[in-house]
PDB file of N, CA and C in Angstrom:
ATOM      1  N   UNK A   1      41.651  -3.579 174.086  1.00  0.00           N
ATOM      2  CA  UNK A   1      40.962  -2.337 173.818  1.00  0.00           C
ATOM      3  C   UNK A   1      40.537  -2.292 172.346  1.00  0.00           C
ATOM      4  N   UNK A   2      39.346  -1.851 172.097  1.00  0.00           N
ATOM      5  CA  UNK A   2      38.780  -1.817 170.754  1.00  0.00           C
ATOM      6  C   UNK A   2      39.452  -0.754 169.888  1.00  0.00           C
ATOM      7  N   UNK A   3      39.581  -1.059 168.613  1.00  0.00           N
ATOM      8  CA  UNK A   3      40.127  -0.081 167.674  1.00  0.00           C
ATOM      9  C   UNK A   3      39.112   1.024 167.394  1.00  0.00           C
ATOM     10  N   UNK A   4      37.908   0.868 167.936  1.00  0.00           N
ATOM     11  CA  UNK A   4      36.833   1.833 167.721  1.00  0.00           C
ATOM     12  C   UNK A   4      36.573   2.738 168.933  1.00  0.00           C
ATOM     13  N   UNK A   5      37.524   2.840 169.830  1.00  0.00           N
ATOM     14  CA  UNK A   5      37.329   3.613 171.053  1.00  0.00           C
ATOM     15  C   UNK A   5      36.845   5.028 170.764  1.00  0.00           C
ATOM     16  N   UNK A   6      37.462   5.688 169.808  1.00  0.00           N
ATOM     17  CA  UNK A   6      37.092   7.069 169.463  1.00  0.00           C
ATOM     18  C   UNK A   6      35.617   7.140 169.051  1.00  0.00           C
ATOM     19  N   UNK A   7      35.192   6.205 168.215  1.00  0.00           N
ATOM     20  CA  UNK A   7      33.802   6.179 167.757  1.00  0.00           C
ATOM     21  C   UNK A   7      32.834   5.873 168.888  1.00  0.00           C
ATOM     22  N   UNK A   8      33.215   4.919 169.727  1.00  0.00           N
ATOM     23  CA  UNK A   8      32.350   4.531 170.834  1.00  0.00           C
ATOM     24  C   UNK A   8      32.171   5.690 171.812  1.00  0.00           C
ATOM     25  N   UNK A   9      33.236   6.436 172.046  1.00  0.00           N
ATOM     26  CA  UNK A   9      33.141   7.614 172.904  1.00  0.00           C
ATOM     27  C   UNK A   9      32.252   8.682 172.264  1.00  0.00           C
ATOM     28  N   UNK A  10      32.389   8.858 170.967  1.00  0.00           N
ATOM     29  CA  UNK A  10      31.565   9.823 170.233  1.00  0.00           C
ATOM     30  C   UNK A  10      30.094   9.415 170.268  1.00  0.00           C
ATOM     31  N   UNK A  11      29.823   8.106 170.196  1.00  0.00           N
ATOM     32  CA  UNK A  11      28.445   7.610 170.319  1.00  0.00           C
ATOM     33  C   UNK A  11      27.857   7.982 171.678  1.00  0.00           C
ATOM     34  N   UNK A  12      28.642   7.759 172.721  1.00  0.00           N
ATOM     35  CA  UNK A  12      28.186   8.101 174.065  1.00  0.00           C
ATOM     36  C   UNK A  12      27.906   9.586 174.201  1.00  0.00           C
ATOM     37  N   UNK A  13      28.763  10.402 173.632  1.00  0.00           N
ATOM     38  CA  UNK A  13      28.581  11.856 173.672  1.00  0.00           C
ATOM     39  C   UNK A  13      27.314  12.259 172.913  1.00  0.00           C
ATOM     40  N   UNK A  14      27.109  11.673 171.734  1.00  0.00           N
ATOM     41  CA  UNK A  14      25.908  11.971 170.943  1.00  0.00           C
ATOM     42  C   UNK A  14      24.649  11.541 171.699  1.00  0.00           C
ATOM     43  N   UNK A  15      24.728  10.421 172.387  1.00  0.00           N
ATOM     44  CA  UNK A  15      23.586   9.947 173.169  1.00  0.00           C
ATOM     45  C   UNK A  15      23.256  10.928 174.289  1.00  0.00           C
ATOM     46  N   UNK A  16      24.273  11.382 174.997  1.00  0.00           N
ATOM     47  CA  UNK A  16      24.051  12.344 176.085  1.00  0.00           C
ATOM     48  C   UNK A  16      23.511  13.673 175.565  1.00  0.00           C
ATOM     49  N   UNK A  17      23.892  14.015 174.334  1.00  0.00           N
ATOM     50  CA  UNK A  17      23.420  15.269 173.725  1.00  0.00           C
ATOM     51  C   UNK A  17      22.024  15.118 173.123  1.00  0.00           C
ATOM     52  N   UNK A  18      21.491  13.904 173.124  1.00  0.00           N
ATOM     53  CA  UNK A  18      20.167  13.667 172.563  1.00  0.00           C
ATOM     54  C   UNK A  18      20.155  13.637 171.040  1.00  0.00           C
ATOM     55  N   UNK A  19      21.289  13.344 170.437  1.00  0.00           N
ATOM     56  CA  UNK A  19      21.420  13.345 168.976  1.00  0.00           C
ATOM     57  C   UNK A  19      21.609  11.940 168.407  1.00  0.00           C
ATOM     58  N   UNK A  20      21.374  10.925 169.221  1.00  0.00           N
ATOM     59  CA  UNK A  20      21.558   9.544 168.799  1.00  0.00           C
ATOM     60  C   UNK A  20      20.277   8.760 169.026  1.00  0.00           C
ATOM     61  N   UNK A  21      19.820   8.092 167.995  1.00  0.00           N
ATOM     62  CA  UNK A  21      18.682   7.185 168.100  1.00  0.00           C
ATOM     63  C   UNK A  21      19.239   5.771 168.046  1.00  0.00           C
ATOM     64  N   UNK A  22      18.602   4.845 168.740  1.00  0.00           N
ATOM     65  CA  UNK A  22      19.091   3.480 168.694  1.00  0.00           C
ATOM     66  C   UNK A  22      17.937   2.501 168.605  1.00  0.00           C
ATOM     67  N   UNK A  23      18.238   1.355 168.034  1.00  0.00           N
ATOM     68  CA  UNK A  23      17.227   0.331 167.838  1.00  0.00           C
ATOM     69  C   UNK A  23      16.700   0.384 166.419  1.00  0.00           C
ATOM     70  N   UNK A  24      16.506  -0.766 165.823  1.00  0.00           N
ATOM     71  CA  UNK A  24      16.115  -0.851 164.419  1.00  0.00           C
ATOM     72  C   UNK A  24      14.808  -0.130 164.127  1.00  0.00           C
ATOM     73  N   UNK A  25      13.792  -0.354 164.923  1.00  0.00           N
ATOM     74  CA  UNK A  25      12.486   0.270 164.656  1.00  0.00           C
ATOM     75  C   UNK A  25      12.555   1.793 164.731  1.00  0.00           C
ATOM     76  N   UNK A  26      13.207   2.308 165.757  1.00  0.00           N
ATOM     77  CA  UNK A  26      13.333   3.756 165.904  1.00  0.00           C
ATOM     78  C   UNK A  26      14.129   4.385 164.779  1.00  0.00           C
ATOM     79  N   UNK A  27      15.178   3.703 164.361  1.00  0.00           N
ATOM     80  CA  UNK A  27      16.007   4.208 163.266  1.00  0.00           C
ATOM     81  C   UNK A  27      15.214   4.214 161.961  1.00  0.00           C
ATOM     82  N   UNK A  28      14.476   3.130 161.690  1.00  0.00           N
ATOM     83  CA  UNK A  28      13.678   3.060 160.462  1.00  0.00           C
ATOM     84  C   UNK A  28      12.612   4.162 160.431  1.00  0.00           C
ATOM     85  N   UNK A  29      11.962   4.375 161.551  1.00  0.00           N
ATOM     86  CA  UNK A  29      10.939   5.426 161.640  1.00  0.00           C
ATOM     87  C   UNK A  29      11.560   6.799 161.379  1.00  0.00           C
ATOM     88  N   UNK A  30      12.720   7.057 161.993  1.00  0.00           N
ATOM     89  CA  UNK A  30      13.400   8.340 161.807  1.00  0.00           C
ATOM     90  C   UNK A  30      13.885   8.509 160.371  1.00  0.00           C
ATOM     91  N   UNK A  31      14.303   7.418 159.731  1.00  0.00           N
ATOM     92  CA  UNK A  31      14.715   7.479 158.323  1.00  0.00           C
ATOM     93  C   UNK A  31      13.544   7.924 157.452  1.00  0.00           C
ATOM     94  N   UNK A  32      12.372   7.348 157.707  1.00  0.00           N
ATOM     95  CA  UNK A  32      11.188   7.706 156.915  1.00  0.00           C
ATOM     96  C   UNK A  32      10.784   9.168 157.118  1.00  0.00           C
ATOM     97  N   UNK A  33      11.036   9.696 158.314  1.00  0.00           N
ATOM     98  CA  UNK A  33      10.631  11.078 158.596  1.00  0.00           C
ATOM     99  C   UNK A  33      11.710  12.102 158.234  1.00  0.00           C
ATOM    100  N   UNK A  34      12.874  11.628 157.765  1.00  0.00           N
ATOM    101  CA  UNK A  34      13.919  12.540 157.318  1.00  0.00           C
ATOM    102  C   UNK A  34      14.764  13.150 158.426  1.00  0.00           C
ATOM    103  N   UNK A  35      14.778  12.554 159.605  1.00  0.00           N
ATOM    104  CA  UNK A  35      15.534  13.097 160.736  1.00  0.00           C
ATOM    105  C   UNK A  35      16.989  12.636 160.788  1.00  0.00           C
ATOM    106  N   UNK A  36      17.344  11.621 160.023  1.00  0.00           N
ATOM    107  CA  UNK A  36      18.633  10.945 160.166  1.00  0.00           C
ATOM    108  C   UNK A  36      19.691  11.522 159.223  1.00  0.00           C
ATOM    109  N   UNK A  37      20.903  11.667 159.749  1.00  0.00           N
ATOM    110  CA  UNK A  37      22.042  12.136 158.962  1.00  0.00           C
ATOM    111  C   UNK A  37      23.027  11.006 158.668  1.00  0.00           C
ATOM    112  N   UNK A  38      23.086   9.999 159.552  1.00  0.00           N
ATOM    113  CA  UNK A  38      24.009   8.869 159.389  1.00  0.00           C
ATOM    114  C   UNK A  38      23.458   7.674 160.145  1.00  0.00           C
ATOM    115  N   UNK A  39      23.484   6.508 159.511  1.00  0.00           N
ATOM    116  CA  UNK A  39      23.094   5.264 160.166  1.00  0.00           C
ATOM    117  C   UNK A  39      24.362   4.448 160.404  1.00  0.00           C
ATOM    118  N   UNK A  40      24.479   3.908 161.596  1.00  0.00           N
ATOM    119  CA  UNK A  40      25.621   3.084 161.976  1.00  0.00           C
ATOM    120  C   UNK A  40      25.093   1.716 162.385  1.00  0.00           C
ATOM    121  N   UNK A  41      25.650   0.682 161.787  1.00  0.00           N
ATOM    122  CA  UNK A  41      25.260  -0.686 162.132  1.00  0.00           C
ATOM    123  C   UNK A  41      26.481  -1.429 162.652  1.00  0.00           C
ATOM    124  N   UNK A  42      26.244  -2.350 163.552  1.00  0.00           N
ATOM    125  CA  UNK A  42      27.325  -3.178 164.079  1.00  0.00           C
ATOM    126  C   UNK A  42      27.870  -4.073 162.970  1.00  0.00           C
ATOM    127  N   UNK A  43      29.144  -4.379 163.050  1.00  0.00           N
ATOM    128  CA  UNK A  43      29.778  -5.234 162.054  1.00  0.00           C
ATOM    129  C   UNK A  43      29.207  -6.647 162.066  1.00  0.00           C
ATOM    130  N   UNK A  44      28.668  -7.070 163.195  1.00  0.00           N
ATOM    131  CA  UNK A  44      28.131  -8.427 163.298  1.00  0.00           C
ATOM    132  C   UNK A  44      26.617  -8.491 163.068  1.00  0.00           C
ATOM    133  N   UNK A  45      26.048  -7.443 162.508  1.00  0.00           N
ATOM    134  CA  UNK A  45      24.635  -7.436 162.136  1.00  0.00           C
ATOM    135  C   UNK A  45      24.442  -8.470 161.031  1.00  0.00           C
ATOM    136  N   UNK A  46      23.311  -9.144 161.030  1.00  0.00           N
ATOM    137  CA  UNK A  46      23.081 -10.169 160.003  1.00  0.00           C
ATOM    138  C   UNK A  46      23.132  -9.545 158.610  1.00  0.00           C
ATOM    139  N   UNK A  47      23.520 -10.356 157.648  1.00  0.00           N
ATOM    140  CA  UNK A  47      23.659  -9.880 156.269  1.00  0.00           C
ATOM    141  C   UNK A  47      22.342  -9.347 155.727  1.00  0.00           C
ATOM    142  N   UNK A  48      21.245 -10.040 155.990  1.00  0.00           N
ATOM    143  CA  UNK A  48      19.946  -9.594 155.467  1.00  0.00           C
ATOM    144  C   UNK A  48      19.514  -8.283 156.120  1.00  0.00           C
ATOM    145  N   UNK A  49      19.744  -8.142 157.419  1.00  0.00           N
ATOM    146  CA  UNK A  49      19.396  -6.901 158.117  1.00  0.00           C
ATOM    147  C   UNK A  49      20.252  -5.745 157.596  1.00  0.00           C
ATOM    148  N   UNK A  50      21.526  -6.021 157.356  1.00  0.00           N
ATOM    149  CA  UNK A  50      22.420  -4.981 156.834  1.00  0.00           C
ATOM    150  C   UNK A  50      21.964  -4.531 155.449  1.00  0.00           C
ATOM    151  N   UNK A  51      21.659  -5.487 154.575  1.00  0.00           N
ATOM    152  CA  UNK A  51      21.216  -5.142 153.215  1.00  0.00           C
ATOM    153  C   UNK A  51      19.933  -4.316 153.245  1.00  0.00           C
ATOM    154  N   UNK A  52      18.992  -4.718 154.080  1.00  0.00           N
ATOM    155  CA  UNK A  52      17.729  -3.997 154.211  1.00  0.00           C
ATOM    156  C   UNK A  52      17.964  -2.565 154.700  1.00  0.00           C
ATOM    157  N   UNK A  53      18.762  -2.440 155.727  1.00  0.00           N
ATOM    158  CA  UNK A  53      19.059  -1.129 156.299  1.00  0.00           C
ATOM    159  C   UNK A  53      19.807  -0.246 155.302  1.00  0.00           C
ATOM    160  N   UNK A  54      20.759  -0.830 154.619  1.00  0.00           N
ATOM    161  CA  UNK A  54      21.539  -0.074 153.636  1.00  0.00           C
ATOM    162  C   UNK A  54      20.646   0.395 152.483  1.00  0.00           C
ATOM    163  N   UNK A  55      19.706  -0.440 152.063  1.00  0.00           N
ATOM    164  CA  UNK A  55      18.775  -0.060 150.999  1.00  0.00           C
ATOM    165  C   UNK A  55      17.888   1.103 151.446  1.00  0.00           C
ATOM    166  N   UNK A  56      17.415   1.052 152.680  1.00  0.00           N
ATOM    167  CA  UNK A  56      16.577   2.134 153.216  1.00  0.00           C
ATOM    168  C   UNK A  56      17.374   3.436 153.285  1.00  0.00           C
ATOM    169  N   UNK A  57      18.637   3.338 153.660  1.00  0.00           N
ATOM    170  CA  UNK A  57      19.497   4.525 153.719  1.00  0.00           C
ATOM    171  C   UNK A  57      19.697   5.107 152.323  1.00  0.00           C
ATOM    172  N   UNK A  58      19.895   4.234 151.351  1.00  0.00           N
ATOM    173  CA  UNK A  58      20.089   4.693 149.981  1.00  0.00           C
ATOM    174  C   UNK A  58      18.841   5.403 149.473  1.00  0.00           C
ATOM    175  N   UNK A  59      17.667   4.846 149.773  1.00  0.00           N
ATOM    176  CA  UNK A  59      16.400   5.475 149.367  1.00  0.00           C
ATOM    177  C   UNK A  59      16.260   6.861 149.983  1.00  0.00           C
ATOM    178  N   UNK A  60      16.678   6.989 151.255  1.00  0.00           N
ATOM    179  CA  UNK A  60      16.541   8.253 151.976  1.00  0.00           C
ATOM    180  C   UNK A  60      17.729   9.188 151.748  1.00  0.00           C
ATOM    181  N   UNK A  61      18.718   8.741 150.962  1.00  0.00           N
ATOM    182  CA  UNK A  61      19.927   9.514 150.704  1.00  0.00           C
ATOM    183  C   UNK A  61      20.663   9.856 152.005  1.00  0.00           C
ATOM    184  N   UNK A  62      20.841   8.832 152.829  1.00  0.00           N
ATOM    185  CA  UNK A  62      21.504   8.968 154.129  1.00  0.00           C
ATOM    186  C   UNK A  62      22.744   8.077 154.134  1.00  0.00           C
ATOM    187  N   UNK A  63      23.839   8.603 154.654  1.00  0.00           N
ATOM    188  CA  UNK A  63      25.080   7.837 154.739  1.00  0.00           C
ATOM    189  C   UNK A  63      24.902   6.631 155.660  1.00  0.00           C
ATOM    190  N   UNK A  64      25.616   5.551 155.351  1.00  0.00           N
ATOM    191  CA  UNK A  64      25.556   4.307 156.122  1.00  0.00           C
ATOM    192  C   UNK A  64      26.977   3.825 156.367  1.00  0.00           C
ATOM    193  N   UNK A  65      27.232   3.328 157.575  1.00  0.00           N
ATOM    194  CA  UNK A  65      28.534   2.751 157.866  1.00  0.00           C
ATOM    195  C   UNK A  65      28.389   1.632 158.889  1.00  0.00           C
ATOM    196  N   UNK A  66      29.347   0.722 158.889  1.00  0.00           N
ATOM    197  CA  UNK A  66      29.392  -0.343 159.873  1.00  0.00           C
ATOM    198  C   UNK A  66      30.676  -0.190 160.667  1.00  0.00           C
ATOM    199  N   UNK A  67      30.563  -0.372 161.967  1.00  0.00           N
ATOM    200  CA  UNK A  67      31.747  -0.377 162.811  1.00  0.00           C
ATOM    201  C   UNK A  67      31.433  -0.990 164.162  1.00  0.00           C
ATOM    202  N   UNK A  68      32.436  -1.539 164.762  1.00  0.00           N
ATOM    203  CA  UNK A  68      32.372  -2.165 166.084  1.00  0.00           C
ATOM    204  C   UNK A  68      31.390  -3.343 166.104  1.00  0.00           C
ATOM    205  N   UNK A  69      31.395  -4.065 167.187  1.00  0.00           N
ATOM    206  CA  UNK A  69      30.478  -5.190 167.349  1.00  0.00           C
ATOM    207  C   UNK A  69      29.273  -4.730 168.160  1.00  0.00           C
ATOM    208  N   UNK A  70      28.230  -5.519 168.125  1.00  0.00           N
ATOM    209  CA  UNK A  70      27.038  -5.207 168.924  1.00  0.00           C
ATOM    210  C   UNK A  70      27.404  -5.086 170.396  1.00  0.00           C
ATOM    211  N   UNK A  71      28.287  -5.956 170.846  1.00  0.00           N
ATOM    212  CA  UNK A  71      28.702  -5.934 172.242  1.00  0.00           C
ATOM    213  C   UNK A  71      29.423  -4.630 172.591  1.00  0.00           C
ATOM    214  N   UNK A  72      30.317  -4.191 171.726  1.00  0.00           N
ATOM    215  CA  UNK A  72      31.050  -2.944 171.976  1.00  0.00           C
ATOM    216  C   UNK A  72      30.105  -1.747 171.987  1.00  0.00           C
ATOM    217  N   UNK A  73      29.180  -1.728 171.023  1.00  0.00           N
ATOM    218  CA  UNK A  73      28.214  -0.633 170.956  1.00  0.00           C
ATOM    219  C   UNK A  73      27.326  -0.636 172.190  1.00  0.00           C
ATOM    220  N   UNK A  74      26.857  -1.811 172.567  1.00  0.00           N
ATOM    221  CA  UNK A  74      25.986  -1.938 173.737  1.00  0.00           C
ATOM    222  C   UNK A  74      26.692  -1.471 175.002  1.00  0.00           C
ATOM    223  N   UNK A  75      27.943  -1.825 175.133  1.00  0.00           N
ATOM    224  CA  UNK A  75      28.721  -1.391 176.290  1.00  0.00           C
ATOM    225  C   UNK A  75      28.866   0.125 176.317  1.00  0.00           C
ATOM    226  N   UNK A  76      29.116   0.722 175.184  1.00  0.00           N
ATOM    227  CA  UNK A  76      29.306   2.169 175.103  1.00  0.00           C
ATOM    228  C   UNK A  76      28.025   2.928 175.439  1.00  0.00           C
ATOM    229  N   UNK A  77      26.874   2.347 175.090  1.00  0.00           N
ATOM    230  CA  UNK A  77      25.599   3.039 175.287  1.00  0.00           C
ATOM    231  C   UNK A  77      24.870   2.630 176.558  1.00  0.00           C
ATOM    232  N   UNK A  78      25.280   1.532 177.149  1.00  0.00           N
ATOM    233  CA  UNK A  78      24.614   1.076 178.371  1.00  0.00           C
ATOM    234  C   UNK A  78      23.307   0.349 178.112  1.00  0.00           C
ATOM    235  N   UNK A  79      23.067  -0.029 176.859  1.00  0.00           N
ATOM    236  CA  UNK A  79      21.885  -0.816 176.507  1.00  0.00           C
ATOM    237  C   UNK A  79      22.194  -1.616 175.249  1.00  0.00           C
ATOM    238  N   UNK A  80      21.544  -2.748 175.105  1.00  0.00           N
ATOM    239  CA  UNK A  80      21.827  -3.655 173.995  1.00  0.00           C
ATOM    240  C   UNK A  80      21.330  -3.054 172.684  1.00  0.00           C
ATOM    241  N   UNK A  81      22.265  -2.733 171.793  1.00  0.00           N
ATOM    242  CA  UNK A  81      21.935  -2.132 170.510  1.00  0.00           C
ATOM    243  C   UNK A  81      22.919  -2.579 169.425  1.00  0.00           C
ATOM    244  N   UNK A  82      22.435  -2.614 168.183  1.00  0.00           N
ATOM    245  CA  UNK A  82      23.319  -2.909 167.056  1.00  0.00           C
ATOM    246  C   UNK A  82      23.050  -1.988 165.873  1.00  0.00           C
ATOM    247  N   UNK A  83      22.003  -1.163 165.963  1.00  0.00           N
ATOM    248  CA  UNK A  83      21.683  -0.191 164.911  1.00  0.00           C
ATOM    249  C   UNK A  83      21.466   1.170 165.558  1.00  0.00           C
ATOM    250  N   UNK A  84      22.151   2.184 165.018  1.00  0.00           N
ATOM    251  CA  UNK A  84      22.095   3.539 165.562  1.00  0.00           C
ATOM    252  C   UNK A  84      21.894   4.544 164.431  1.00  0.00           C
ATOM    253  N   UNK A  85      21.411   5.708 164.793  1.00  0.00           N
ATOM    254  CA  UNK A  85      21.291   6.795 163.821  1.00  0.00           C
ATOM    255  C   UNK A  85      21.662   8.102 164.498  1.00  0.00           C
ATOM    256  N   UNK A  86      22.456   8.883 163.814  1.00  0.00           N
ATOM    257  CA  UNK A  86      22.806  10.219 164.283  1.00  0.00           C
ATOM    258  C   UNK A  86      21.877  11.214 163.605  1.00  0.00           C
ATOM    259  N   UNK A  87      21.312  12.105 164.394  1.00  0.00           N
ATOM    260  CA  UNK A  87      20.377  13.096 163.854  1.00  0.00           C
ATOM    261  C   UNK A  87      21.034  14.461 163.688  1.00  0.00           C
ATOM    262  N   UNK A  88      22.257  14.582 164.098  1.00  0.00           N
ATOM    263  CA  UNK A  88      22.972  15.858 164.039  1.00  0.00           C
ATOM    264  C   UNK A  88      24.041  15.816 162.946  1.00  0.00           C
ATOM    265  N   UNK A  89      24.050  16.813 162.095  1.00  0.00           N
ATOM    266  CA  UNK A  89      24.995  16.896 160.980  1.00  0.00           C
ATOM    267  C   UNK A  89      26.446  16.922 161.480  1.00  0.00           C
ATOM    268  N   UNK A  90      26.709  17.637 162.559  1.00  0.00           N
ATOM    269  CA  UNK A  90      28.067  17.747 163.086  1.00  0.00           C
ATOM    270  C   UNK A  90      28.614  16.413 163.570  1.00  0.00           C
ATOM    271  N   UNK A  91      27.819  15.666 164.318  1.00  0.00           N
ATOM    272  CA  UNK A  91      28.245  14.346 164.770  1.00  0.00           C
ATOM    273  C   UNK A  91      28.459  13.424 163.572  1.00  0.00           C
ATOM    274  N   UNK A  92      27.540  13.466 162.622  1.00  0.00           N
ATOM    275  CA  UNK A  92      27.658  12.616 161.433  1.00  0.00           C
ATOM    276  C   UNK A  92      28.946  12.924 160.671  1.00  0.00           C
ATOM    277  N   UNK A  93      29.244  14.182 160.497  1.00  0.00           N
ATOM    278  CA  UNK A  93      30.474  14.573 159.791  1.00  0.00           C
ATOM    279  C   UNK A  93      31.708  14.081 160.536  1.00  0.00           C
ATOM    280  N   UNK A  94      31.682  14.153 161.866  1.00  0.00           N
ATOM    281  CA  UNK A  94      32.815  13.668 162.655  1.00  0.00           C
ATOM    282  C   UNK A  94      33.062  12.188 162.420  1.00  0.00           C
ATOM    283  N   UNK A  95      31.997  11.406 162.388  1.00  0.00           N
ATOM    284  CA  UNK A  95      32.132   9.971 162.135  1.00  0.00           C
ATOM    285  C   UNK A  95      32.683   9.718 160.742  1.00  0.00           C
ATOM    286  N   UNK A  96      32.098  10.355 159.758  1.00  0.00           N
ATOM    287  CA  UNK A  96      32.500  10.111 158.379  1.00  0.00           C
ATOM    288  C   UNK A  96      33.921  10.590 158.105  1.00  0.00           C
ATOM    289  N   UNK A  97      34.283  11.712 158.675  1.00  0.00           N
ATOM    290  CA  UNK A  97      35.633  12.244 158.492  1.00  0.00           C
ATOM    291  C   UNK A  97      36.660  11.286 159.089  1.00  0.00           C
ATOM    292  N   UNK A  98      36.376  10.796 160.282  1.00  0.00           N
ATOM    293  CA  UNK A  98      37.290   9.881 160.947  1.00  0.00           C
ATOM    294  C   UNK A  98      37.406   8.552 160.208  1.00  0.00           C
ATOM    295  N   UNK A  99      36.334   8.161 159.560  1.00  0.00           N
ATOM    296  CA  UNK A  99      36.301   6.877 158.852  1.00  0.00           C
ATOM    297  C   UNK A  99      36.860   6.995 157.431  1.00  0.00           C
ATOM    298  N   UNK A 100      37.216   8.203 157.021  1.00  0.00           N
ATOM    299  CA  UNK A 100      37.825   8.385 155.712  1.00  0.00           C
ATOM    300  C   UNK A 100      36.869   8.798 154.615  1.00  0.00           C
ATOM    301  N   UNK A 101      35.610   9.027 154.933  1.00  0.00           N
ATOM    302  CA  UNK A 101      34.658   9.520 153.941  1.00  0.00           C
ATOM    303  C   UNK A 101      34.848  11.030 153.831  1.00  0.00           C
ATOM    304  N   UNK A 102      34.695  11.566 152.658  1.00  0.00           N
ATOM    305  CA  UNK A 102      34.924  13.002 152.498  1.00  0.00           C
ATOM    306  C   UNK A 102      33.630  13.799 152.341  1.00  0.00           C
ATOM    307  N   UNK A 103      32.539  13.135 151.990  1.00  0.00           N
ATOM    308  CA  UNK A 103      31.307  13.878 151.789  1.00  0.00           C
ATOM    309  C   UNK A 103      30.141  13.203 152.471  1.00  0.00           C
ATOM    310  N   UNK A 104      29.152  14.024 152.796  1.00  0.00           N
ATOM    311  CA  UNK A 104      27.889  13.502 153.313  1.00  0.00           C
ATOM    312  C   UNK A 104      27.026  13.220 152.100  1.00  0.00           C
ATOM    313  N   UNK A 105      26.190  12.222 152.225  1.00  0.00           N
ATOM    314  CA  UNK A 105      25.230  11.960 151.139  1.00  0.00           C
ATOM    315  C   UNK A 105      24.043  12.844 151.299  1.00  0.00           C
TER     316      UNK A 105
END
């Protein structure tokens, strides 16, 4: 069982609530339009993709975190994904609080 069960369940809940975007292109587009509160990338995302995504988040003043593997995330969402974005402040705060972050960017 994954150590990220709580997060994976929260991802599924956010998806059902319509507050989760997935896929690199969709996340990047939402970042540019200011809709994103938190970006989540899989731990096994390539280093260059992670750096690029993290830089875009920094430019947009959006929190960024890595957790779980692409496989775990894909299983939780029912589709192959490794990059996600939460558009809801409440969901984002739940993730950050659980991960030990105290503030939103």
